[in-house]
N, C-alpha and C. Protein backbone atom coordinates (compact mmCIF):
# COMPACT_ATOMS: atom_id res chain seq x y z
N ALA A 1 58.44 -126.83 35.57
CA ALA A 1 59.52 -126.72 34.61
C ALA A 1 59.16 -125.65 33.61
N ARG A 2 60.12 -124.89 33.36
CA ARG A 2 59.96 -123.81 32.38
C ARG A 2 60.35 -124.31 31.00
N GLY A 3 59.81 -123.67 30.01
CA GLY A 3 60.15 -124.01 28.63
C GLY A 3 61.50 -123.43 28.28
N PRO A 4 61.87 -123.55 27.02
CA PRO A 4 63.16 -123.02 26.59
C PRO A 4 63.26 -121.54 26.90
N SER A 5 64.40 -121.13 27.32
CA SER A 5 64.56 -119.71 27.67
C SER A 5 64.58 -118.86 26.41
N ARG A 6 64.03 -117.72 26.55
CA ARG A 6 63.98 -116.79 25.41
C ARG A 6 65.06 -115.75 25.56
N ALA A 7 65.44 -115.21 24.44
CA ALA A 7 66.46 -114.15 24.46
C ALA A 7 65.89 -112.94 25.17
N PRO A 8 66.71 -112.23 25.89
CA PRO A 8 66.23 -111.03 26.58
C PRO A 8 65.61 -110.06 25.57
N ALA A 9 64.61 -109.36 26.00
CA ALA A 9 63.89 -108.43 25.12
C ALA A 9 64.77 -107.33 24.58
N ARG A 10 65.80 -106.97 25.34
CA ARG A 10 66.64 -105.86 24.88
C ARG A 10 67.58 -106.25 23.73
N SER A 11 67.74 -107.51 23.43
CA SER A 11 68.65 -107.88 22.34
C SER A 11 68.11 -107.46 20.97
N ARG A 12 66.81 -107.44 20.81
CA ARG A 12 66.27 -106.97 19.53
C ARG A 12 66.58 -105.51 19.27
N PRO A 13 66.30 -104.63 20.18
CA PRO A 13 66.66 -103.24 19.89
C PRO A 13 68.16 -103.09 19.61
N ARG A 14 68.98 -103.85 20.30
CA ARG A 14 70.41 -103.76 20.06
C ARG A 14 70.73 -104.20 18.64
N ALA A 15 70.09 -105.26 18.16
CA ALA A 15 70.30 -105.73 16.79
C ALA A 15 69.87 -104.64 15.80
N LEU A 16 68.76 -103.98 16.07
CA LEU A 16 68.32 -102.90 15.21
C LEU A 16 69.32 -101.75 15.23
N THR A 17 69.88 -101.48 16.37
CA THR A 17 70.85 -100.40 16.49
C THR A 17 72.10 -100.72 15.68
N VAL A 18 72.55 -101.97 15.74
CA VAL A 18 73.73 -102.37 14.96
C VAL A 18 73.41 -102.27 13.47
N THR A 19 72.22 -102.70 13.07
CA THR A 19 71.82 -102.61 11.66
C THR A 19 71.75 -101.15 11.22
N ARG A 20 71.18 -100.32 12.06
CA ARG A 20 71.07 -98.89 11.74
C ARG A 20 72.47 -98.27 11.62
N ALA A 21 73.36 -98.59 12.54
CA ALA A 21 74.72 -98.06 12.49
C ALA A 21 75.44 -98.53 11.22
N ALA A 22 75.23 -99.79 10.86
CA ALA A 22 75.86 -100.30 9.64
C ALA A 22 75.30 -99.57 8.41
N SER A 23 74.00 -99.30 8.40
CA SER A 23 73.40 -98.57 7.29
C SER A 23 73.95 -97.15 7.18
N ILE A 24 74.10 -96.50 8.31
CA ILE A 24 74.63 -95.13 8.32
C ILE A 24 76.06 -95.12 7.82
N LEU A 25 76.87 -96.08 8.27
CA LEU A 25 78.26 -96.16 7.81
C LEU A 25 78.33 -96.42 6.31
N LEU A 26 77.46 -97.30 5.83
CA LEU A 26 77.43 -97.59 4.39
C LEU A 26 77.02 -96.35 3.59
N LEU A 27 76.04 -95.62 4.09
CA LEU A 27 75.60 -94.39 3.43
C LEU A 27 76.73 -93.36 3.40
N MET A 28 77.41 -93.17 4.53
CA MET A 28 78.50 -92.20 4.59
C MET A 28 79.64 -92.61 3.64
N ALA A 29 79.94 -93.90 3.58
CA ALA A 29 81.01 -94.36 2.69
C ALA A 29 80.64 -94.11 1.23
N SER A 30 79.37 -94.36 0.89
CA SER A 30 78.97 -94.13 -0.50
C SER A 30 78.98 -92.64 -0.85
N LEU A 31 78.61 -91.79 0.11
CA LEU A 31 78.68 -90.35 -0.13
C LEU A 31 80.11 -89.89 -0.34
N LEU A 32 81.02 -90.40 0.45
CA LEU A 32 82.43 -90.03 0.29
C LEU A 32 82.98 -90.51 -1.05
N CYS A 33 82.56 -91.70 -1.47
CA CYS A 33 83.04 -92.22 -2.74
C CYS A 33 82.52 -91.42 -3.92
N THR A 34 81.28 -90.94 -3.83
CA THR A 34 80.70 -90.22 -4.96
C THR A 34 81.05 -88.74 -4.94
N ALA A 35 81.65 -88.24 -3.88
CA ALA A 35 81.94 -86.82 -3.79
C ALA A 35 82.87 -86.34 -4.89
N GLY A 36 83.77 -87.19 -5.36
CA GLY A 36 84.70 -86.75 -6.39
C GLY A 36 84.43 -87.35 -7.75
N CYS A 37 83.19 -87.75 -8.01
CA CYS A 37 82.87 -88.47 -9.24
C CYS A 37 82.52 -87.60 -10.43
N GLY A 38 82.87 -86.35 -10.44
CA GLY A 38 82.62 -85.52 -11.61
C GLY A 38 81.26 -84.87 -11.63
N TYR A 39 80.48 -85.03 -10.61
CA TYR A 39 79.18 -84.37 -10.54
C TYR A 39 79.42 -82.88 -10.36
N HIS A 40 78.65 -82.07 -11.08
CA HIS A 40 78.74 -80.63 -10.89
C HIS A 40 77.36 -80.03 -10.97
N LEU A 41 77.21 -78.90 -10.33
CA LEU A 41 75.93 -78.21 -10.33
C LEU A 41 75.61 -77.68 -11.70
N MET A 42 74.32 -77.72 -12.07
CA MET A 42 73.91 -77.20 -13.36
C MET A 42 74.28 -75.73 -13.43
N GLY A 43 74.87 -75.34 -14.52
CA GLY A 43 75.22 -73.95 -14.70
C GLY A 43 76.61 -73.61 -14.22
N ALA A 44 77.28 -74.53 -13.54
CA ALA A 44 78.64 -74.24 -13.12
C ALA A 44 79.52 -74.35 -14.36
N ALA A 45 80.46 -73.43 -14.49
CA ALA A 45 81.30 -73.45 -15.68
C ALA A 45 82.06 -74.76 -15.72
N GLY A 46 81.77 -75.60 -16.70
CA GLY A 46 82.39 -76.89 -16.74
C GLY A 46 82.77 -77.32 -18.13
N ALA A 47 81.89 -77.10 -19.10
CA ALA A 47 82.14 -77.62 -20.43
C ALA A 47 83.04 -76.71 -21.26
N LEU A 48 83.10 -75.47 -20.92
CA LEU A 48 83.96 -74.56 -21.69
C LEU A 48 85.41 -74.76 -21.26
N PRO A 49 86.29 -74.87 -22.23
CA PRO A 49 87.70 -75.02 -21.88
C PRO A 49 88.22 -73.79 -21.13
N PRO A 50 89.22 -73.94 -20.31
CA PRO A 50 89.74 -72.79 -19.56
C PRO A 50 90.31 -71.69 -20.44
N THR A 51 90.64 -72.02 -21.69
CA THR A 51 91.17 -71.01 -22.62
C THR A 51 90.08 -70.08 -23.14
N VAL A 52 88.81 -70.46 -22.95
CA VAL A 52 87.70 -69.62 -23.42
C VAL A 52 87.32 -68.64 -22.31
N LYS A 53 87.79 -67.43 -22.48
CA LYS A 53 87.49 -66.36 -21.51
C LYS A 53 86.57 -65.31 -22.10
N THR A 54 86.49 -65.26 -23.43
CA THR A 54 85.60 -64.32 -24.11
C THR A 54 84.80 -65.06 -25.18
N VAL A 55 83.53 -64.68 -25.31
CA VAL A 55 82.65 -65.30 -26.30
C VAL A 55 81.94 -64.19 -27.05
N ALA A 56 81.93 -64.30 -28.36
CA ALA A 56 81.14 -63.39 -29.20
C ALA A 56 79.82 -64.09 -29.51
N VAL A 57 78.72 -63.42 -29.21
CA VAL A 57 77.40 -63.96 -29.56
C VAL A 57 76.95 -63.23 -30.81
N MET A 58 76.93 -63.94 -31.91
CA MET A 58 76.49 -63.34 -33.17
C MET A 58 74.97 -63.21 -33.15
N PRO A 59 74.44 -62.19 -33.80
CA PRO A 59 72.98 -62.05 -33.84
C PRO A 59 72.35 -63.31 -34.44
N PHE A 60 71.38 -63.87 -33.72
CA PHE A 60 70.69 -65.04 -34.23
C PHE A 60 69.95 -64.68 -35.51
N GLU A 61 69.84 -65.62 -36.39
CA GLU A 61 69.06 -65.44 -37.61
C GLU A 61 67.67 -66.01 -37.36
N ARG A 62 66.73 -65.64 -38.24
CA ARG A 62 65.34 -66.08 -38.06
C ARG A 62 64.82 -66.68 -39.35
N GLN A 63 64.30 -67.89 -39.24
CA GLN A 63 63.64 -68.55 -40.36
C GLN A 63 62.16 -68.79 -40.05
N VAL A 64 61.61 -67.98 -39.17
CA VAL A 64 60.21 -68.08 -38.77
C VAL A 64 59.56 -66.72 -38.95
N PRO A 65 58.23 -66.68 -39.11
CA PRO A 65 57.56 -65.39 -39.33
C PRO A 65 57.26 -64.61 -38.05
N VAL A 66 57.99 -64.87 -36.99
CA VAL A 66 57.77 -64.18 -35.71
C VAL A 66 58.79 -63.05 -35.64
N LEU A 67 58.32 -61.82 -35.81
CA LEU A 67 59.21 -60.67 -35.83
C LEU A 67 59.91 -60.46 -34.49
N GLN A 68 61.15 -60.14 -34.54
CA GLN A 68 62.01 -59.78 -33.40
C GLN A 68 62.34 -60.93 -32.46
N VAL A 69 61.87 -62.13 -32.73
CA VAL A 69 62.17 -63.23 -31.82
C VAL A 69 63.68 -63.48 -31.78
N GLU A 70 64.35 -63.36 -32.90
CA GLU A 70 65.80 -63.60 -32.95
C GLU A 70 66.56 -62.54 -32.16
N GLN A 71 66.08 -61.29 -32.17
CA GLN A 71 66.72 -60.22 -31.40
C GLN A 71 66.59 -60.48 -29.90
N ARG A 72 65.39 -60.86 -29.49
CA ARG A 72 65.16 -61.12 -28.06
C ARG A 72 65.96 -62.33 -27.57
N ILE A 73 66.06 -63.35 -28.42
CA ILE A 73 66.85 -64.53 -28.04
C ILE A 73 68.33 -64.19 -27.99
N THR A 74 68.82 -63.41 -28.95
CA THR A 74 70.23 -63.00 -28.93
C THR A 74 70.55 -62.23 -27.65
N GLU A 75 69.71 -61.29 -27.29
CA GLU A 75 69.93 -60.50 -26.07
C GLU A 75 69.89 -61.38 -24.82
N ALA A 76 68.93 -62.30 -24.77
CA ALA A 76 68.79 -63.16 -23.59
C ALA A 76 69.97 -64.13 -23.46
N VAL A 77 70.43 -64.70 -24.58
CA VAL A 77 71.57 -65.61 -24.55
C VAL A 77 72.83 -64.86 -24.14
N THR A 78 72.99 -63.64 -24.62
CA THR A 78 74.14 -62.82 -24.24
C THR A 78 74.16 -62.58 -22.74
N ARG A 79 73.01 -62.19 -22.18
CA ARG A 79 72.92 -61.95 -20.72
C ARG A 79 73.21 -63.23 -19.94
N GLU A 80 72.61 -64.33 -20.37
CA GLU A 80 72.77 -65.59 -19.63
C GLU A 80 74.20 -66.10 -19.68
N LEU A 81 74.85 -66.00 -20.82
CA LEU A 81 76.27 -66.41 -20.91
C LEU A 81 77.14 -65.57 -19.99
N ALA A 82 76.90 -64.27 -19.98
CA ALA A 82 77.70 -63.38 -19.13
C ALA A 82 77.51 -63.71 -17.65
N GLN A 83 76.29 -64.04 -17.26
CA GLN A 83 76.00 -64.32 -15.86
C GLN A 83 76.44 -65.70 -15.42
N ARG A 84 76.17 -66.72 -16.22
CA ARG A 84 76.37 -68.08 -15.75
C ARG A 84 77.64 -68.75 -16.23
N ALA A 85 78.16 -68.36 -17.36
CA ALA A 85 79.34 -69.03 -17.89
C ALA A 85 80.63 -68.40 -17.40
N ARG A 86 80.50 -67.27 -16.76
CA ARG A 86 81.68 -66.57 -16.24
C ARG A 86 82.69 -66.26 -17.34
N VAL A 87 82.15 -65.81 -18.46
CA VAL A 87 82.99 -65.36 -19.56
C VAL A 87 82.59 -63.93 -19.89
N LYS A 88 83.49 -63.24 -20.54
CA LYS A 88 83.18 -61.89 -21.00
C LYS A 88 82.57 -62.02 -22.39
N VAL A 89 81.42 -61.41 -22.57
CA VAL A 89 80.78 -61.44 -23.88
C VAL A 89 81.24 -60.21 -24.65
N VAL A 90 81.78 -60.44 -25.84
CA VAL A 90 82.30 -59.36 -26.67
C VAL A 90 81.48 -59.28 -27.96
N SER A 91 81.61 -58.17 -28.65
CA SER A 91 80.76 -57.95 -29.82
C SER A 91 81.38 -58.41 -31.15
N SER A 92 82.67 -58.65 -31.18
CA SER A 92 83.27 -59.04 -32.46
C SER A 92 83.99 -60.39 -32.36
N LYS A 93 84.00 -61.10 -33.46
CA LYS A 93 84.65 -62.40 -33.53
C LYS A 93 86.15 -62.28 -33.27
N GLU A 94 86.72 -61.16 -33.72
CA GLU A 94 88.17 -60.97 -33.60
C GLU A 94 88.63 -60.91 -32.15
N GLU A 95 87.80 -60.40 -31.27
CA GLU A 95 88.16 -60.28 -29.84
C GLU A 95 87.88 -61.56 -29.06
N ALA A 96 87.16 -62.52 -29.67
CA ALA A 96 86.62 -63.65 -28.93
C ALA A 96 87.49 -64.90 -29.01
N ASP A 97 87.47 -65.65 -27.91
CA ASP A 97 88.10 -66.97 -27.88
C ASP A 97 87.17 -68.02 -28.49
N ALA A 98 85.85 -67.72 -28.48
CA ALA A 98 84.85 -68.62 -29.06
C ALA A 98 83.70 -67.78 -29.62
N VAL A 99 83.00 -68.36 -30.60
CA VAL A 99 81.89 -67.64 -31.24
C VAL A 99 80.65 -68.53 -31.18
N LEU A 100 79.53 -67.93 -30.70
CA LEU A 100 78.26 -68.62 -30.65
C LEU A 100 77.35 -68.05 -31.73
N SER A 101 76.81 -68.92 -32.56
CA SER A 101 75.87 -68.48 -33.60
C SER A 101 74.65 -69.38 -33.56
N GLY A 102 73.53 -68.83 -34.02
CA GLY A 102 72.30 -69.61 -34.00
C GLY A 102 71.29 -69.14 -35.03
N VAL A 103 70.42 -70.05 -35.41
CA VAL A 103 69.34 -69.76 -36.34
C VAL A 103 68.06 -70.31 -35.72
N VAL A 104 67.06 -69.44 -35.53
CA VAL A 104 65.76 -69.88 -35.02
C VAL A 104 65.03 -70.51 -36.21
N THR A 105 64.82 -71.82 -36.13
CA THR A 105 64.22 -72.55 -37.24
C THR A 105 62.75 -72.89 -37.03
N GLY A 106 62.27 -72.73 -35.80
CA GLY A 106 60.87 -73.03 -35.53
C GLY A 106 60.37 -72.29 -34.31
N TYR A 107 59.11 -71.89 -34.37
CA TYR A 107 58.47 -71.23 -33.22
C TYR A 107 57.00 -71.62 -33.27
N GLY A 108 56.56 -72.41 -32.31
CA GLY A 108 55.18 -72.87 -32.31
C GLY A 108 54.47 -72.55 -31.02
N VAL A 109 53.19 -72.21 -31.14
CA VAL A 109 52.35 -71.91 -29.98
C VAL A 109 51.13 -72.82 -30.08
N LEU A 110 50.95 -73.65 -29.06
CA LEU A 110 49.84 -74.58 -29.03
C LEU A 110 48.98 -74.30 -27.80
N PRO A 111 47.71 -73.89 -27.97
CA PRO A 111 46.83 -73.67 -26.81
C PRO A 111 46.61 -74.99 -26.07
N MET A 112 46.71 -74.96 -24.75
CA MET A 112 46.54 -76.16 -23.94
C MET A 112 45.21 -76.19 -23.20
N SER A 113 44.70 -75.00 -22.82
CA SER A 113 43.41 -74.93 -22.13
C SER A 113 42.80 -73.55 -22.36
N TYR A 114 41.51 -73.46 -22.07
CA TYR A 114 40.77 -72.23 -22.35
C TYR A 114 40.01 -71.79 -21.11
N ASP A 115 39.76 -70.46 -21.00
CA ASP A 115 38.97 -69.95 -19.89
C ASP A 115 37.48 -70.00 -20.24
N ALA A 116 36.64 -69.47 -19.35
CA ALA A 116 35.19 -69.52 -19.55
C ALA A 116 34.75 -68.73 -20.79
N ASP A 117 35.54 -67.73 -21.21
CA ASP A 117 35.20 -66.92 -22.38
C ASP A 117 35.71 -67.54 -23.68
N GLY A 118 36.35 -68.69 -23.58
CA GLY A 118 36.86 -69.35 -24.78
C GLY A 118 38.24 -68.86 -25.21
N LYS A 119 38.90 -68.06 -24.38
CA LYS A 119 40.24 -67.58 -24.70
C LYS A 119 41.27 -68.54 -24.12
N ALA A 120 42.29 -68.82 -24.89
CA ALA A 120 43.35 -69.71 -24.40
C ALA A 120 44.03 -69.08 -23.19
N ASN A 121 44.22 -69.89 -22.14
CA ASN A 121 44.90 -69.37 -20.95
C ASN A 121 46.17 -70.14 -20.60
N ARG A 122 46.43 -71.24 -21.29
CA ARG A 122 47.68 -71.98 -21.14
C ARG A 122 48.17 -72.35 -22.54
N TYR A 123 49.46 -72.14 -22.75
CA TYR A 123 50.06 -72.39 -24.06
C TYR A 123 51.32 -73.24 -23.89
N GLN A 124 51.56 -74.10 -24.85
CA GLN A 124 52.86 -74.75 -24.94
C GLN A 124 53.60 -74.05 -26.07
N ILE A 125 54.74 -73.47 -25.73
CA ILE A 125 55.53 -72.76 -26.72
C ILE A 125 56.81 -73.56 -26.98
N THR A 126 57.08 -73.80 -28.25
CA THR A 126 58.25 -74.56 -28.64
C THR A 126 59.11 -73.71 -29.57
N VAL A 127 60.40 -73.66 -29.27
CA VAL A 127 61.37 -72.94 -30.10
C VAL A 127 62.43 -73.95 -30.53
N SER A 128 62.69 -73.99 -31.83
CA SER A 128 63.74 -74.85 -32.37
C SER A 128 64.83 -73.97 -32.98
N ALA A 129 66.07 -74.44 -32.89
CA ALA A 129 67.18 -73.64 -33.42
C ALA A 129 68.36 -74.52 -33.78
N ARG A 130 69.17 -74.02 -34.70
CA ARG A 130 70.49 -74.59 -34.99
C ARG A 130 71.48 -73.77 -34.19
N ILE A 131 72.31 -74.42 -33.42
CA ILE A 131 73.25 -73.73 -32.53
C ILE A 131 74.66 -74.25 -32.78
N ARG A 132 75.63 -73.34 -32.77
CA ARG A 132 77.03 -73.73 -32.91
C ARG A 132 77.89 -72.80 -32.07
N LEU A 133 78.72 -73.41 -31.24
CA LEU A 133 79.72 -72.69 -30.47
C LEU A 133 81.07 -73.26 -30.87
N ALA A 134 81.91 -72.43 -31.47
CA ALA A 134 83.21 -72.89 -31.96
C ALA A 134 84.32 -72.03 -31.38
N SER A 135 85.46 -72.65 -31.15
CA SER A 135 86.63 -71.91 -30.67
C SER A 135 87.21 -71.08 -31.79
N ARG A 136 88.11 -70.19 -31.43
CA ARG A 136 88.75 -69.32 -32.42
C ARG A 136 89.43 -70.13 -33.51
N GLY A 137 89.98 -71.28 -33.13
CA GLY A 137 90.66 -72.14 -34.10
C GLY A 137 89.71 -72.98 -34.95
N GLY A 138 88.40 -72.89 -34.67
CA GLY A 138 87.42 -73.62 -35.46
C GLY A 138 86.93 -74.91 -34.83
N GLY A 139 87.52 -75.30 -33.71
CA GLY A 139 87.07 -76.53 -33.04
C GLY A 139 85.66 -76.34 -32.47
N VAL A 140 84.83 -77.34 -32.67
CA VAL A 140 83.44 -77.26 -32.21
C VAL A 140 83.37 -77.59 -30.72
N LEU A 141 82.83 -76.66 -29.95
CA LEU A 141 82.66 -76.85 -28.51
C LEU A 141 81.25 -77.34 -28.19
N PHE A 142 80.29 -76.89 -28.96
CA PHE A 142 78.89 -77.29 -28.81
C PHE A 142 78.21 -77.07 -30.14
N GLN A 143 77.45 -78.07 -30.57
CA GLN A 143 76.74 -77.91 -31.84
C GLN A 143 75.55 -78.84 -31.86
N THR A 144 74.44 -78.33 -32.34
CA THR A 144 73.26 -79.15 -32.57
C THR A 144 72.43 -78.53 -33.69
N PRO A 145 72.04 -79.34 -34.66
CA PRO A 145 71.22 -78.81 -35.75
C PRO A 145 69.75 -78.66 -35.37
N SER A 146 69.36 -79.25 -34.24
CA SER A 146 67.94 -79.24 -33.90
C SER A 146 67.72 -79.09 -32.38
N TYR A 147 68.26 -78.01 -31.83
CA TYR A 147 68.03 -77.75 -30.41
C TYR A 147 66.56 -77.38 -30.23
N LYS A 148 65.90 -78.03 -29.28
CA LYS A 148 64.48 -77.79 -29.08
C LYS A 148 64.21 -77.41 -27.63
N PHE A 149 63.49 -76.31 -27.47
CA PHE A 149 63.06 -75.84 -26.15
C PHE A 149 61.54 -75.81 -26.16
N SER A 150 60.92 -76.37 -25.13
CA SER A 150 59.46 -76.38 -25.05
C SER A 150 59.06 -76.17 -23.59
N GLU A 151 58.09 -75.31 -23.39
CA GLU A 151 57.63 -74.99 -22.03
C GLU A 151 56.16 -74.60 -22.09
N ILE A 152 55.46 -74.80 -20.98
CA ILE A 152 54.06 -74.39 -20.87
C ILE A 152 53.99 -73.10 -20.08
N TYR A 153 53.23 -72.15 -20.62
CA TYR A 153 53.07 -70.84 -20.00
C TYR A 153 51.59 -70.55 -19.78
N GLU A 154 51.31 -69.81 -18.71
CA GLU A 154 49.94 -69.41 -18.43
C GLU A 154 49.77 -67.93 -18.69
N ARG A 155 48.62 -67.58 -19.26
CA ARG A 155 48.29 -66.18 -19.52
C ARG A 155 47.68 -65.59 -18.27
N SER A 156 48.04 -64.37 -17.97
CA SER A 156 47.46 -63.67 -16.84
C SER A 156 45.99 -63.42 -17.12
N SER A 157 45.18 -63.44 -16.07
CA SER A 157 43.74 -63.20 -16.26
C SER A 157 43.41 -61.71 -16.20
N SER A 158 44.40 -60.88 -15.93
CA SER A 158 44.18 -59.44 -15.85
C SER A 158 44.02 -58.85 -17.25
N PRO A 159 42.92 -58.13 -17.52
CA PRO A 159 42.74 -57.52 -18.84
C PRO A 159 43.84 -56.53 -19.21
N ALA A 160 44.44 -55.87 -18.23
CA ALA A 160 45.49 -54.89 -18.52
C ALA A 160 46.73 -55.57 -19.12
N THR A 161 47.04 -56.76 -18.65
CA THR A 161 48.23 -57.44 -19.17
C THR A 161 47.90 -58.30 -20.39
N TYR A 162 46.63 -58.58 -20.61
CA TYR A 162 46.27 -59.44 -21.74
C TYR A 162 46.62 -58.80 -23.08
N VAL A 163 46.44 -57.49 -23.19
CA VAL A 163 46.71 -56.79 -24.45
C VAL A 163 48.18 -56.91 -24.84
N ASN A 164 49.09 -56.75 -23.88
CA ASN A 164 50.52 -56.78 -24.17
C ASN A 164 51.16 -58.14 -23.90
N TYR A 165 50.35 -59.15 -23.71
CA TYR A 165 50.91 -60.44 -23.31
C TYR A 165 51.85 -61.03 -24.36
N GLU A 166 51.51 -60.84 -25.63
CA GLU A 166 52.35 -61.41 -26.68
C GLU A 166 53.76 -60.84 -26.63
N VAL A 167 53.88 -59.55 -26.42
CA VAL A 167 55.20 -58.90 -26.33
C VAL A 167 55.93 -59.39 -25.09
N VAL A 168 55.25 -59.46 -23.97
CA VAL A 168 55.85 -59.94 -22.73
C VAL A 168 56.25 -61.40 -22.89
N ALA A 169 55.40 -62.17 -23.54
CA ALA A 169 55.69 -63.60 -23.73
C ALA A 169 56.97 -63.82 -24.51
N TYR A 170 57.24 -63.02 -25.53
CA TYR A 170 58.48 -63.16 -26.29
C TYR A 170 59.69 -63.01 -25.38
N ASP A 171 59.65 -62.04 -24.49
CA ASP A 171 60.76 -61.82 -23.57
C ASP A 171 60.93 -62.98 -22.60
N VAL A 172 59.81 -63.48 -22.06
CA VAL A 172 59.87 -64.59 -21.11
C VAL A 172 60.37 -65.86 -21.80
N VAL A 173 59.85 -66.15 -22.99
CA VAL A 173 60.28 -67.33 -23.73
C VAL A 173 61.76 -67.21 -24.09
N ALA A 174 62.19 -66.04 -24.53
CA ALA A 174 63.61 -65.83 -24.87
C ALA A 174 64.50 -66.05 -23.65
N ARG A 175 64.07 -65.54 -22.51
CA ARG A 175 64.84 -65.72 -21.27
C ARG A 175 64.95 -67.20 -20.91
N ASP A 176 63.82 -67.91 -20.95
CA ASP A 176 63.82 -69.33 -20.59
C ASP A 176 64.59 -70.17 -21.60
N PHE A 177 64.46 -69.83 -22.88
CA PHE A 177 65.23 -70.51 -23.93
C PHE A 177 66.73 -70.33 -23.65
N ALA A 178 67.13 -69.09 -23.34
CA ALA A 178 68.55 -68.79 -23.08
C ALA A 178 69.07 -69.56 -21.87
N ARG A 179 68.28 -69.62 -20.81
CA ARG A 179 68.70 -70.37 -19.62
C ARG A 179 68.93 -71.84 -19.94
N ALA A 180 67.99 -72.43 -20.68
CA ALA A 180 68.11 -73.84 -21.02
C ALA A 180 69.29 -74.08 -21.96
N LEU A 181 69.47 -73.20 -22.93
CA LEU A 181 70.57 -73.36 -23.89
C LEU A 181 71.92 -73.23 -23.20
N VAL A 182 72.10 -72.21 -22.39
CA VAL A 182 73.38 -72.01 -21.70
C VAL A 182 73.66 -73.18 -20.75
N ALA A 183 72.62 -73.69 -20.07
CA ALA A 183 72.82 -74.87 -19.21
C ALA A 183 73.29 -76.05 -20.05
N SER A 184 72.72 -76.26 -21.23
CA SER A 184 73.15 -77.35 -22.10
C SER A 184 74.59 -77.16 -22.56
N ILE A 185 74.94 -75.94 -22.91
CA ILE A 185 76.32 -75.66 -23.33
C ILE A 185 77.30 -75.93 -22.19
N LEU A 186 76.96 -75.48 -21.00
CA LEU A 186 77.87 -75.65 -19.86
C LEU A 186 77.98 -77.12 -19.43
N GLU A 187 76.93 -77.87 -19.67
CA GLU A 187 76.97 -79.29 -19.34
C GLU A 187 77.58 -80.11 -20.46
N GLY A 188 77.85 -79.45 -21.60
CA GLY A 188 78.45 -80.16 -22.73
C GLY A 188 77.53 -81.22 -23.29
N ALA A 189 76.23 -80.91 -23.33
CA ALA A 189 75.23 -81.91 -23.68
C ALA A 189 75.21 -82.34 -25.13
N SER A 190 75.68 -81.52 -26.07
CA SER A 190 75.45 -81.89 -27.46
C SER A 190 76.55 -81.41 -28.40
N VAL A 191 77.16 -82.34 -29.07
CA VAL A 191 78.03 -82.03 -30.19
C VAL A 191 77.61 -82.98 -31.29
N GLU A 192 76.69 -82.52 -32.12
CA GLU A 192 76.13 -83.34 -33.20
C GLU A 192 76.49 -82.71 -34.54
N GLU A 193 76.47 -83.52 -35.54
CA GLU A 193 76.71 -83.00 -36.90
C GLU A 193 75.39 -82.77 -37.57
């Protein structure tokens, strides 16, 4: 006499196949549901109203003892807005649908590590600013009294670039600051008083 009959061995793989198919269908359904949920790629023109086709970037002001940092940031923000926001950047408020102004309120450099000669080779650079983007009618589109950008940078070990690193660093920091700021503006991340 044989014991109780067992289920055929192939029924388990079939059960796994049904489970896998159900998982795939559930995943596809959730993807379809989330496709129209307002998600957008970073940097895609989204937060600026469709009426804003031109933006005037006023020269940033400087409240820090770092010479020319405000000029480099103004230039970098102007380039980044033109490239990523799909707006025309103009030089005067009168021509603009919106005006961007800013004040650099802080600039800090903190050494993070040192090489064998005792020279700093990694720095954390922090830039703080007051930023305001307002429409021609005065409505605030983006505003923050304490926008903060912080990033870690490495110094090149080449002696030829070491001498001019500070000048190059200002340009790199300004570029990265501008990218982060424009991304925040386009994502509509901050309207604070």
